[in-house]
Amino acid sequence: MIATTPVERVADVLAGAGFERVTLPLRIAGLVVEMPAAFIGLQPSPDLILVGDTTRQTARQLQQAVESVGRALDSVRSRRPVTLVIVGPRPESAVTAALSRYARVLPVGEIADEDSLQNWLAVLLPLNLPETDVVRGGTASLEALRSVDEPLALELIDQAVHGEAAVAAHLHALVEANFADEDSDDELSEDDQ
């Protein structure tokens, strides 16, 4: 299905990210709230996401809806965070500030393209990390580290291929050797007196 409205485009992105669409009107603790769309997330992101549309709702209507949801969630002692995604013309900063007292506010504006929408909603979406090749990454990192000019650092880097314990043991030996040298210098100076 091709989304035609900004609300539906946001809905498609959220549904694609694993958020579950809530049947409207939204009902919380006996309170009924009208919103263009609403979603809930599952663990680890249990957000309640409200989608508001400034072309269909006034700033006052948005504020009343968000405050009502916030208070209703408080009354049932819910710990679910609320996020308001606003499509359409961006509300004035005073309105956004008032809304942010009850919800995290993400004004996506009049969405230009899919990449912009993904960018605005990134805080809600799962982080997609590229697959790593641990062996290649480890070797490349050691090679990059070997470009240092410090002899002590190079000794420790060379020990890294043998593991953390080898690096710790080598460093410990170097520190002990320094103190052993100081002790022998102290003994020599006492003998000179």
Protein backbone atom coordinates (compact mmCIF):
# COMPACT_ATOMS: atom_id res chain seq x y z
CA MET A 1 0.00 0.00 0.00
CA ILE A 2 1.37 3.41 -0.97
CA ALA A 3 0.86 6.02 1.73
CA THR A 4 -0.76 9.15 0.41
CA THR A 5 -1.05 11.37 3.47
CA PRO A 6 1.76 12.50 5.78
CA VAL A 7 0.09 10.66 8.68
CA GLU A 8 0.03 7.42 6.69
CA ARG A 9 3.67 7.88 5.65
CA VAL A 10 4.64 8.18 9.32
CA ALA A 11 2.41 5.18 10.10
CA ASP A 12 4.18 3.08 7.44
CA VAL A 13 7.61 3.89 8.90
CA LEU A 14 6.50 3.11 12.46
CA ALA A 15 4.75 -0.12 11.46
CA GLY A 16 7.87 -1.14 9.51
CA ALA A 17 9.93 -0.59 12.67
CA GLY A 18 7.75 -2.97 14.68
CA PHE A 19 5.38 -0.55 16.38
CA GLU A 20 1.82 -1.82 16.72
CA ARG A 21 -1.00 0.42 15.52
CA VAL A 22 -3.63 1.15 18.15
CA THR A 23 -7.32 1.05 17.31
CA LEU A 24 -8.82 4.53 17.41
CA PRO A 25 -10.23 6.34 19.25
CA LEU A 26 -7.55 5.85 21.89
CA ARG A 27 -8.98 4.71 25.24
CA ILE A 28 -6.92 5.02 28.43
CA ALA A 29 -8.45 4.65 31.89
CA GLY A 30 -11.92 5.43 30.57
CA LEU A 31 -10.73 8.52 28.72
CA VAL A 32 -11.32 8.68 24.97
CA VAL A 33 -8.78 10.64 22.90
CA GLU A 34 -9.09 11.38 19.19
CA MET A 35 -5.82 11.37 17.22
CA PRO A 36 -5.13 10.69 13.54
CA ALA A 37 -2.97 7.67 14.52
CA ALA A 38 -1.42 6.04 17.56
CA PHE A 39 1.13 3.27 18.07
CA ILE A 40 2.64 1.33 20.93
CA GLY A 41 6.07 -0.13 20.96
CA LEU A 42 7.17 -3.40 22.44
CA GLN A 43 10.23 -3.88 24.62
CA PRO A 44 12.85 -2.48 24.52
CA SER A 45 11.05 0.67 23.30
CA PRO A 46 7.60 0.69 24.97
CA ASP A 47 6.68 4.20 23.77
CA LEU A 48 3.13 5.30 23.17
CA ILE A 49 3.39 7.27 19.95
CA LEU A 50 0.67 9.73 19.05
CA VAL A 51 0.59 11.16 15.53
CA GLY A 52 -0.89 14.64 15.32
CA ASP A 53 -1.69 16.59 12.17
CA THR A 54 -1.66 20.39 12.32
CA THR A 55 -3.68 20.59 9.12
CA ARG A 56 -6.58 18.75 10.83
CA GLN A 57 -6.04 19.74 14.48
CA THR A 58 -5.56 23.11 16.10
CA ALA A 59 -2.71 23.70 18.52
CA ARG A 60 -5.27 23.70 21.34
CA GLN A 61 -6.70 20.33 20.26
CA LEU A 62 -3.20 18.82 20.11
CA GLN A 63 -2.35 20.18 23.54
CA GLN A 64 -5.61 18.91 25.08
CA ALA A 65 -5.10 15.44 23.59
CA VAL A 66 -1.50 15.13 24.77
CA GLU A 67 -2.26 16.46 28.25
CA SER A 68 -5.22 14.08 28.53
CA VAL A 69 -3.09 11.09 27.53
CA GLY A 70 -0.35 12.12 29.95
CA ARG A 71 -2.75 12.49 32.85
CA ALA A 72 -4.57 9.25 32.01
CA LEU A 73 -1.28 7.34 31.95
CA ASP A 74 -0.32 8.93 35.27
CA SER A 75 -3.64 7.87 36.80
CA VAL A 76 -2.98 4.21 35.93
CA ARG A 77 0.66 4.58 37.03
CA SER A 78 1.95 3.74 33.58
CA ARG A 79 5.67 4.20 32.97
CA ARG A 80 5.19 4.18 29.22
CA PRO A 81 6.86 7.25 27.65
CA VAL A 82 4.74 9.32 25.27
CA THR A 83 6.01 10.67 21.98
CA LEU A 84 4.04 13.06 19.78
CA VAL A 85 4.93 13.07 16.09
CA ILE A 86 3.53 16.18 14.45
CA VAL A 87 2.97 16.28 10.70
CA GLY A 88 1.95 19.38 8.79
CA PRO A 89 3.08 22.94 9.44
CA ARG A 90 5.27 23.22 12.52
CA PRO A 91 3.48 24.73 15.54
CA GLU A 92 4.82 27.85 17.22
CA SER A 93 7.64 27.29 19.70
CA ALA A 94 5.39 28.16 22.65
CA VAL A 95 2.98 25.39 21.62
CA THR A 96 5.83 22.92 21.15
CA ALA A 97 7.17 23.85 24.61
CA ALA A 98 3.75 23.29 26.17
CA LEU A 99 3.42 19.92 24.42
CA SER A 100 6.88 18.85 25.56
CA ARG A 101 5.74 19.03 29.20
CA TYR A 102 3.74 15.84 28.56
CA ALA A 103 5.51 14.14 25.65
CA ARG A 104 8.64 14.03 23.57
CA VAL A 105 7.73 16.12 20.52
CA LEU A 106 8.99 15.26 17.03
CA PRO A 107 7.74 17.80 14.49
CA VAL A 108 8.43 16.16 11.13
CA GLY A 109 6.82 19.03 9.25
CA GLU A 110 5.58 18.67 5.74
CA ILE A 111 7.59 15.61 4.82
CA ALA A 112 9.63 16.00 1.65
CA ASP A 113 11.04 12.51 1.13
CA GLU A 114 11.54 9.11 2.76
CA ASP A 115 15.10 9.86 3.93
CA SER A 116 14.00 13.05 5.69
CA LEU A 117 11.20 11.19 7.42
CA GLN A 118 13.56 8.41 8.54
CA ASN A 119 15.91 11.10 9.86
CA TRP A 120 13.20 12.84 11.89
CA LEU A 121 11.95 9.55 13.33
CA ALA A 122 15.42 8.06 13.92
CA VAL A 123 15.10 8.40 17.71
CA LEU A 124 12.17 5.95 17.59
CA LEU A 125 13.62 3.51 15.08
CA PRO A 126 15.94 0.60 15.83
CA LEU A 127 19.60 1.25 15.22
CA ASN A 128 20.88 -0.70 12.22
CA LEU A 129 24.57 -1.41 12.57
CA PRO A 130 26.60 -2.88 9.74
CA GLU A 131 27.88 -6.43 10.15
CA THR A 132 31.48 -6.49 11.29
CA ASP A 133 34.25 -8.92 10.53
CA VAL A 134 35.83 -9.28 13.97
CA VAL A 135 39.03 -10.90 12.73
CA ARG A 136 39.63 -8.35 10.00
CA GLY A 137 38.64 -5.48 12.29
CA GLY A 138 41.05 -6.63 15.00
CA THR A 139 43.95 -6.94 12.55
CA ALA A 140 43.22 -3.61 10.94
CA SER A 141 43.06 -1.95 14.35
CA LEU A 142 46.43 -3.39 15.38
CA GLU A 143 47.99 -2.27 12.13
CA ALA A 144 46.68 1.24 12.64
CA LEU A 145 47.99 1.28 16.21
CA ARG A 146 51.46 0.16 15.11
CA SER A 147 51.93 3.47 13.32
CA VAL A 148 52.76 5.18 16.65
CA ASP A 149 56.34 6.28 17.33
CA GLU A 150 56.40 5.46 21.05
CA PRO A 151 58.51 2.34 21.80
CA LEU A 152 56.58 1.45 24.98
CA ALA A 153 53.25 1.63 23.13
CA LEU A 154 54.65 -0.61 20.38
CA GLU A 155 55.73 -3.20 22.96
CA LEU A 156 52.23 -3.30 24.42
CA ILE A 157 50.61 -3.44 20.98
CA ASP A 158 52.80 -6.44 20.10
CA GLN A 159 51.59 -8.16 23.27
CA ALA A 160 47.95 -7.52 22.32
CA VAL A 161 47.89 -10.45 19.89
CA HIS A 162 48.45 -12.72 22.91
CA GLY A 163 45.46 -11.29 24.76
CA GLU A 164 44.58 -8.92 27.55
CA ALA A 165 46.43 -10.94 30.21
CA ALA A 166 49.67 -10.79 28.22
CA VAL A 167 49.44 -7.01 27.89
CA ALA A 168 48.73 -6.64 31.63
CA ALA A 169 51.61 -8.94 32.57
CA HIS A 170 54.05 -7.12 30.28
CA LEU A 171 53.00 -3.72 31.63
CA HIS A 172 53.30 -5.00 35.20
CA ALA A 173 56.82 -6.30 34.47
CA LEU A 174 57.84 -2.96 32.97
CA VAL A 175 56.57 -1.05 36.01
CA GLU A 176 58.31 -3.44 38.42
CA ALA A 177 61.54 -3.14 36.44
CA ASN A 178 61.40 0.65 36.85
CA PHE A 179 61.02 0.35 40.62
CA ALA A 180 63.77 -2.27 40.80
CA ASP A 181 66.10 0.17 38.97
CA GLU A 182 65.23 2.96 41.44
CA ASP A 183 65.85 0.65 44.42
CA SER A 184 69.30 -0.29 43.10
CA ASP A 185 70.11 3.39 42.48
CA ASP A 186 69.10 4.18 46.10
CA GLU A 187 71.35 1.39 47.42
CA LEU A 188 74.28 2.75 45.38
CA SER A 189 73.85 6.28 46.68
CA GLU A 190 73.73 5.04 50.31
CA ASP A 191 76.96 3.10 49.76
CA ASP A 192 78.65 6.20 48.39
CA GLN A 193 78.10 8.05 51.69
